[in-house]
Amino acid sequence: MLLSAPAGRTALAYAGAGLLLLLALAAVLALGAAYAPASAHRTAARRTLHLLLRLAPWYPDHP
């Protein structure tokens, strides 16, 4: 099994940490898209958030 070897546990921990990092980045970009003072910043944050969310298999591919 993957969890029986120390390398497997390490890989699983890194995968979980990476997922949490992507989730935190998505939250920051969503807040930036909602509350940025300049229209250009809101548009840039919204486009970056859309590109990041396209990595998720359940996200529909439309802006």
PDB file of N, CA and C in Angstrom:
ATOM      1  N   MET A   1       0.830  -1.192   0.000  1.00  0.00           N
ATOM      2  CA  MET A   1       0.000   0.000   0.000  1.00  0.00           C
ATOM      3  C   MET A   1       0.872   1.253   0.000  1.00  0.00           C
ATOM      4  N   LEU A   2       0.229   2.338  -0.386  1.00  0.00           N
ATOM      5  CA  LEU A   2       0.949   3.608  -0.459  1.00  0.00           C
ATOM      6  C   LEU A   2       1.308   4.121   0.934  1.00  0.00           C
ATOM      7  N   LEU A   3       0.422   3.908   1.900  1.00  0.00           N
ATOM      8  CA  LEU A   3       0.656   4.462   3.233  1.00  0.00           C
ATOM      9  C   LEU A   3       1.592   3.618   4.081  1.00  0.00           C
ATOM     10  N   SER A   4       1.943   2.413   3.635  1.00  0.00           N
ATOM     11  CA  SER A   4       2.816   1.568   4.446  1.00  0.00           C
ATOM     12  C   SER A   4       4.281   1.990   4.349  1.00  0.00           C
ATOM     13  N   ALA A   5       4.669   2.619   3.258  1.00  0.00           N
ATOM     14  CA  ALA A   5       6.057   3.051   3.087  1.00  0.00           C
ATOM     15  C   ALA A   5       6.200   4.516   3.513  1.00  0.00           C
ATOM     16  N   PRO A   6       7.317   4.858   4.126  1.00  0.00           N
ATOM     17  CA  PRO A   6       7.531   6.269   4.510  1.00  0.00           C
ATOM     18  C   PRO A   6       7.491   7.222   3.318  1.00  0.00           C
ATOM     19  N   ALA A   7       7.996   6.787   2.173  1.00  0.00           N
ATOM     20  CA  ALA A   7       7.981   7.649   0.986  1.00  0.00           C
ATOM     21  C   ALA A   7       6.545   7.902   0.526  1.00  0.00           C
ATOM     22  N   GLY A   8       5.681   6.911   0.678  1.00  0.00           N
ATOM     23  CA  GLY A   8       4.274   7.078   0.303  1.00  0.00           C
ATOM     24  C   GLY A   8       3.572   8.079   1.198  1.00  0.00           C
ATOM     25  N   ARG A   9       3.856   8.006   2.488  1.00  0.00           N
ATOM     26  CA  ARG A   9       3.251   8.970   3.418  1.00  0.00           C
ATOM     27  C   ARG A   9       3.739  10.385   3.127  1.00  0.00           C
ATOM     28  N   THR A  10       5.012  10.504   2.786  1.00  0.00           N
ATOM     29  CA  THR A  10       5.576  11.820   2.460  1.00  0.00           C
ATOM     30  C   THR A  10       4.933  12.378   1.193  1.00  0.00           C
ATOM     31  N   ALA A  11       4.797  11.541   0.178  1.00  0.00           N
ATOM     32  CA  ALA A  11       4.176  11.989  -1.072  1.00  0.00           C
ATOM     33  C   ALA A  11       2.728  12.404  -0.847  1.00  0.00           C
ATOM     34  N   LEU A  12       2.013  11.651  -0.021  1.00  0.00           N
ATOM     35  CA  LEU A  12       0.625  11.988   0.278  1.00  0.00           C
ATOM     36  C   LEU A  12       0.534  13.304   1.059  1.00  0.00           C
ATOM     37  N   ALA A  13       1.459  13.525   1.967  1.00  0.00           N
ATOM     38  CA  ALA A  13       1.483  14.778   2.722  1.00  0.00           C
ATOM     39  C   ALA A  13       1.765  15.963   1.804  1.00  0.00           C
ATOM     40  N   TYR A  14       2.705  15.801   0.867  1.00  0.00           N
ATOM     41  CA  TYR A  14       2.996  16.874  -0.082  1.00  0.00           C
ATOM     42  C   TYR A  14       1.807  17.147  -0.999  1.00  0.00           C
ATOM     43  N   ALA A  15       1.115  16.107  -1.407  1.00  0.00           N
ATOM     44  CA  ALA A  15      -0.061  16.292  -2.259  1.00  0.00           C
ATOM     45  C   ALA A  15      -1.150  17.052  -1.511  1.00  0.00           C
ATOM     46  N   GLY A  16      -1.351  16.723  -0.249  1.00  0.00           N
ATOM     47  CA  GLY A  16      -2.344  17.435   0.557  1.00  0.00           C
ATOM     48  C   GLY A  16      -1.966  18.889   0.778  1.00  0.00           C
ATOM     49  N   ALA A  17      -0.699  19.128   1.029  1.00  0.00           N
ATOM     50  CA  ALA A  17      -0.235  20.500   1.225  1.00  0.00           C
ATOM     51  C   ALA A  17      -0.382  21.308  -0.060  1.00  0.00           C
ATOM     52  N   GLY A  18      -0.090  20.691  -1.189  1.00  0.00           N
ATOM     53  CA  GLY A  18      -0.261  21.379  -2.468  1.00  0.00           C
ATOM     54  C   GLY A  18      -1.714  21.721  -2.740  1.00  0.00           C
ATOM     55  N   LEU A  19      -2.601  20.806  -2.407  1.00  0.00           N
ATOM     56  CA  LEU A  19      -4.029  21.063  -2.591  1.00  0.00           C
ATOM     57  C   LEU A  19      -4.507  22.207  -1.703  1.00  0.00           C
ATOM     58  N   LEU A  20      -4.050  22.232  -0.459  1.00  0.00           N
ATOM     59  CA  LEU A  20      -4.409  23.334   0.429  1.00  0.00           C
ATOM     60  C   LEU A  20      -3.852  24.669  -0.067  1.00  0.00           C
ATOM     61  N   LEU A  21      -2.658  24.647  -0.626  1.00  0.00           N
ATOM     62  CA  LEU A  21      -2.066  25.862  -1.178  1.00  0.00           C
ATOM     63  C   LEU A  21      -2.885  26.381  -2.358  1.00  0.00           C
ATOM     64  N   LEU A  22      -3.323  25.478  -3.244  1.00  0.00           N
ATOM     65  CA  LEU A  22      -4.158  25.893  -4.371  1.00  0.00           C
ATOM     66  C   LEU A  22      -5.500  26.440  -3.895  1.00  0.00           C
ATOM     67  N   LEU A  23      -6.060  25.846  -2.868  1.00  0.00           N
ATOM     68  CA  LEU A  23      -7.324  26.328  -2.316  1.00  0.00           C
ATOM     69  C   LEU A  23      -7.159  27.722  -1.716  1.00  0.00           C
ATOM     70  N   ALA A  24      -6.066  27.938  -1.004  1.00  0.00           N
ATOM     71  CA  ALA A  24      -5.813  29.264  -0.428  1.00  0.00           C
ATOM     72  C   ALA A  24      -5.597  30.303  -1.527  1.00  0.00           C
ATOM     73  N   LEU A  25      -4.888  29.934  -2.576  1.00  0.00           N
ATOM     74  CA  LEU A  25      -4.675  30.847  -3.695  1.00  0.00           C
ATOM     75  C   LEU A  25      -5.991  31.187  -4.380  1.00  0.00           C
ATOM     76  N   ALA A  26      -6.856  30.208  -4.550  1.00  0.00           N
ATOM     77  CA  ALA A  26      -8.167  30.463  -5.161  1.00  0.00           C
ATOM     78  C   ALA A  26      -8.987  31.410  -4.297  1.00  0.00           C
ATOM     79  N   ALA A  27      -8.927  31.247  -2.978  1.00  0.00           N
ATOM     80  CA  ALA A  27      -9.677  32.133  -2.084  1.00  0.00           C
ATOM     81  C   ALA A  27      -9.156  33.567  -2.164  1.00  0.00           C
ATOM     82  N   VAL A  28      -7.851  33.736  -2.207  1.00  0.00           N
ATOM     83  CA  VAL A  28      -7.264  35.086  -2.315  1.00  0.00           C
ATOM     84  C   VAL A  28      -7.651  35.729  -3.639  1.00  0.00           C
ATOM     85  N   LEU A  29      -7.607  34.965  -4.716  1.00  0.00           N
ATOM     86  CA  LEU A  29      -7.983  35.517  -6.015  1.00  0.00           C
ATOM     87  C   LEU A  29      -9.471  35.846  -6.090  1.00  0.00           C
ATOM     88  N   ALA A  30     -10.301  35.041  -5.461  1.00  0.00           N
ATOM     89  CA  ALA A  30     -11.727  35.337  -5.447  1.00  0.00           C
ATOM     90  C   ALA A  30     -12.005  36.627  -4.675  1.00  0.00           C
ATOM     91  N   LEU A  31     -11.331  36.816  -3.559  1.00  0.00           N
ATOM     92  CA  LEU A  31     -11.497  38.068  -2.813  1.00  0.00           C
ATOM     93  C   LEU A  31     -10.945  39.247  -3.596  1.00  0.00           C
ATOM     94  N   GLY A  32      -9.833  39.032  -4.285  1.00  0.00           N
ATOM     95  CA  GLY A  32      -9.277  40.097  -5.121  1.00  0.00           C
ATOM     96  C   GLY A  32     -10.210  40.458  -6.259  1.00  0.00           C
ATOM     97  N   ALA A  33     -10.861  39.465  -6.825  1.00  0.00           N
ATOM     98  CA  ALA A  33     -11.801  39.729  -7.912  1.00  0.00           C
ATOM     99  C   ALA A  33     -13.027  40.476  -7.410  1.00  0.00           C
ATOM    100  N   ALA A  34     -13.395  40.244  -6.177  1.00  0.00           N
ATOM    101  CA  ALA A  34     -14.605  40.869  -5.652  1.00  0.00           C
ATOM    102  C   ALA A  34     -14.363  42.277  -5.111  1.00  0.00           C
ATOM    103  N   TYR A  35     -13.208  42.509  -4.495  1.00  0.00           N
ATOM    104  CA  TYR A  35     -13.006  43.757  -3.746  1.00  0.00           C
ATOM    105  C   TYR A  35     -11.866  44.634  -4.236  1.00  0.00           C
ATOM    106  N   ALA A  36     -11.305  44.376  -5.385  1.00  0.00           N
ATOM    107  CA  ALA A  36     -10.211  45.212  -5.886  1.00  0.00           C
ATOM    108  C   ALA A  36     -10.743  46.600  -6.229  1.00  0.00           C
ATOM    109  N   PRO A  37      -9.975  47.643  -5.914  1.00  0.00           N
ATOM    110  CA  PRO A  37     -10.457  49.001  -6.165  1.00  0.00           C
ATOM    111  C   PRO A  37     -10.494  49.366  -7.646  1.00  0.00           C
ATOM    112  N   ALA A  38      -9.589  48.829  -8.422  1.00  0.00           N
ATOM    113  CA  ALA A  38      -9.526  49.182  -9.841  1.00  0.00           C
ATOM    114  C   ALA A  38     -10.168  48.088 -10.690  1.00  0.00           C
ATOM    115  N   SER A  39     -10.839  48.496 -11.728  1.00  0.00           N
ATOM    116  CA  SER A  39     -11.510  47.551 -12.609  1.00  0.00           C
ATOM    117  C   SER A  39     -10.522  46.605 -13.279  1.00  0.00           C
ATOM    118  N   ALA A  40      -9.353  47.102 -13.644  1.00  0.00           N
ATOM    119  CA  ALA A  40      -8.349  46.254 -14.287  1.00  0.00           C
ATOM    120  C   ALA A  40      -7.859  45.163 -13.335  1.00  0.00           C
ATOM    121  N   HIS A  41      -7.714  45.508 -12.047  1.00  0.00           N
ATOM    122  CA  HIS A  41      -7.281  44.508 -11.070  1.00  0.00           C
ATOM    123  C   HIS A  41      -8.354  43.450 -10.856  1.00  0.00           C
ATOM    124  N   ARG A  42      -9.615  43.864 -10.817  1.00  0.00           N
ATOM    125  CA  ARG A  42     -10.711  42.891 -10.669  1.00  0.00           C
ATOM    126  C   ARG A  42     -10.745  41.950 -11.858  1.00  0.00           C
ATOM    127  N   THR A  43     -10.563  42.487 -13.057  1.00  0.00           N
ATOM    128  CA  THR A  43     -10.587  41.651 -14.261  1.00  0.00           C
ATOM    129  C   THR A  43      -9.415  40.680 -14.267  1.00  0.00           C
ATOM    130  N   ALA A  44      -8.233  41.146 -13.896  1.00  0.00           N
ATOM    131  CA  ALA A  44      -7.056  40.267 -13.865  1.00  0.00           C
ATOM    132  C   ALA A  44      -7.233  39.159 -12.835  1.00  0.00           C
ATOM    133  N   ALA A  45      -7.752  39.493 -11.654  1.00  0.00           N
ATOM    134  CA  ALA A  45      -7.965  38.480 -10.624  1.00  0.00           C
ATOM    135  C   ALA A  45      -9.017  37.469 -11.065  1.00  0.00           C
ATOM    136  N   ARG A  46     -10.074  37.944 -11.711  1.00  0.00           N
ATOM    137  CA  ARG A  46     -11.140  37.041 -12.175  1.00  0.00           C
ATOM    138  C   ARG A  46     -10.621  36.098 -13.256  1.00  0.00           C
ATOM    139  N   ARG A  47      -9.805  36.595 -14.174  1.00  0.00           N
ATOM    140  CA  ARG A  47      -9.251  35.741 -15.236  1.00  0.00           C
ATOM    141  C   ARG A  47      -8.265  34.719 -14.675  1.00  0.00           C
ATOM    142  N   THR A  48      -7.439  35.140 -13.728  1.00  0.00           N
ATOM    143  CA  THR A  48      -6.498  34.212 -13.111  1.00  0.00           C
ATOM    144  C   THR A  48      -7.236  33.146 -12.320  1.00  0.00           C
ATOM    145  N   LEU A  49      -8.281  33.541 -11.608  1.00  0.00           N
ATOM    146  CA  LEU A  49      -9.087  32.576 -10.874  1.00  0.00           C
ATOM    147  C   LEU A  49      -9.733  31.578 -11.831  1.00  0.00           C
ATOM    148  N   HIS A  50     -10.222  32.050 -12.953  1.00  0.00           N
ATOM    149  CA  HIS A  50     -10.825  31.157 -13.938  1.00  0.00           C
ATOM    150  C   HIS A  50      -9.797  30.155 -14.466  1.00  0.00           C
ATOM    151  N   LEU A  51      -8.593  30.617 -14.765  1.00  0.00           N
ATOM    152  CA  LEU A  51      -7.561  29.705 -15.252  1.00  0.00           C
ATOM    153  C   LEU A  51      -7.181  28.673 -14.197  1.00  0.00           C
ATOM    154  N   LEU A  52      -7.124  29.083 -12.935  1.00  0.00           N
ATOM    155  CA  LEU A  52      -6.806  28.156 -11.859  1.00  0.00           C
ATOM    156  C   LEU A  52      -7.922  27.132 -11.663  1.00  0.00           C
ATOM    157  N   LEU A  53      -9.160  27.584 -11.717  1.00  0.00           N
ATOM    158  CA  LEU A  53     -10.285  26.669 -11.504  1.00  0.00           C
ATOM    159  C   LEU A  53     -10.464  25.694 -12.662  1.00  0.00           C
ATOM    160  N   ARG A  54      -9.930  26.027 -13.825  1.00  0.00           N
ATOM    161  CA  ARG A  54     -10.025  25.086 -14.952  1.00  0.00           C
ATOM    162  C   ARG A  54      -9.256  23.807 -14.680  1.00  0.00           C
ATOM    163  N   LEU A  55      -8.360  23.807 -13.693  1.00  0.00           N
ATOM    164  CA  LEU A  55      -7.657  22.587 -13.309  1.00  0.00           C
ATOM    165  C   LEU A  55      -8.590  21.587 -12.640  1.00  0.00           C
ATOM    166  N   ALA A  56      -9.670  22.065 -12.056  1.00  0.00           N
ATOM    167  CA  ALA A  56     -10.625  21.170 -11.369  1.00  0.00           C
ATOM    168  C   ALA A  56     -11.509  20.493 -12.411  1.00  0.00           C
ATOM    169  N   PRO A  57     -11.697  19.185 -12.307  1.00  0.00           N
ATOM    170  CA  PRO A  57     -12.491  18.475 -13.315  1.00  0.00           C
ATOM    171  C   PRO A  57     -13.978  18.823 -13.293  1.00  0.00           C
ATOM    172  N   TRP A  58     -14.482  19.356 -12.178  1.00  0.00           N
ATOM    173  CA  TRP A  58     -15.906  19.653 -12.064  1.00  0.00           C
ATOM    174  C   TRP A  58     -16.243  21.083 -12.492  1.00  0.00           C
ATOM    175  N   TYR A  59     -15.240  21.894 -12.772  1.00  0.00           N
ATOM    176  CA  TYR A  59     -15.490  23.295 -13.137  1.00  0.00           C
ATOM    177  C   TYR A  59     -15.891  23.386 -14.602  1.00  0.00           C
ATOM    178  N   PRO A  60     -17.031  23.996 -14.907  1.00  0.00           N
ATOM    179  CA  PRO A  60     -17.415  24.136 -16.325  1.00  0.00           C
ATOM    180  C   PRO A  60     -16.461  25.110 -17.029  1.00  0.00           C
ATOM    181  N   ASP A  61     -16.130  24.823 -18.247  1.00  0.00           N
ATOM    182  CA  ASP A  61     -15.131  25.598 -18.971  1.00  0.00           C
ATOM    183  C   ASP A  61     -15.768  26.779 -19.694  1.00  0.00           C
ATOM    184  N   HIS A  62     -16.281  27.710 -18.921  1.00  0.00           N
ATOM    185  CA  HIS A  62     -16.784  28.960 -19.486  1.00  0.00           C
ATOM    186  C   HIS A  62     -16.528  30.084 -18.496  1.00  0.00           C
ATOM    187  N   PRO A  63     -16.211  31.273 -18.967  1.00  0.00           N
ATOM    188  CA  PRO A  63     -15.904  32.386 -18.055  1.00  0.00           C
ATOM    189  C   PRO A  63     -17.126  32.894 -17.328  1.00  0.00           C
TER     190      PRO A  63
END
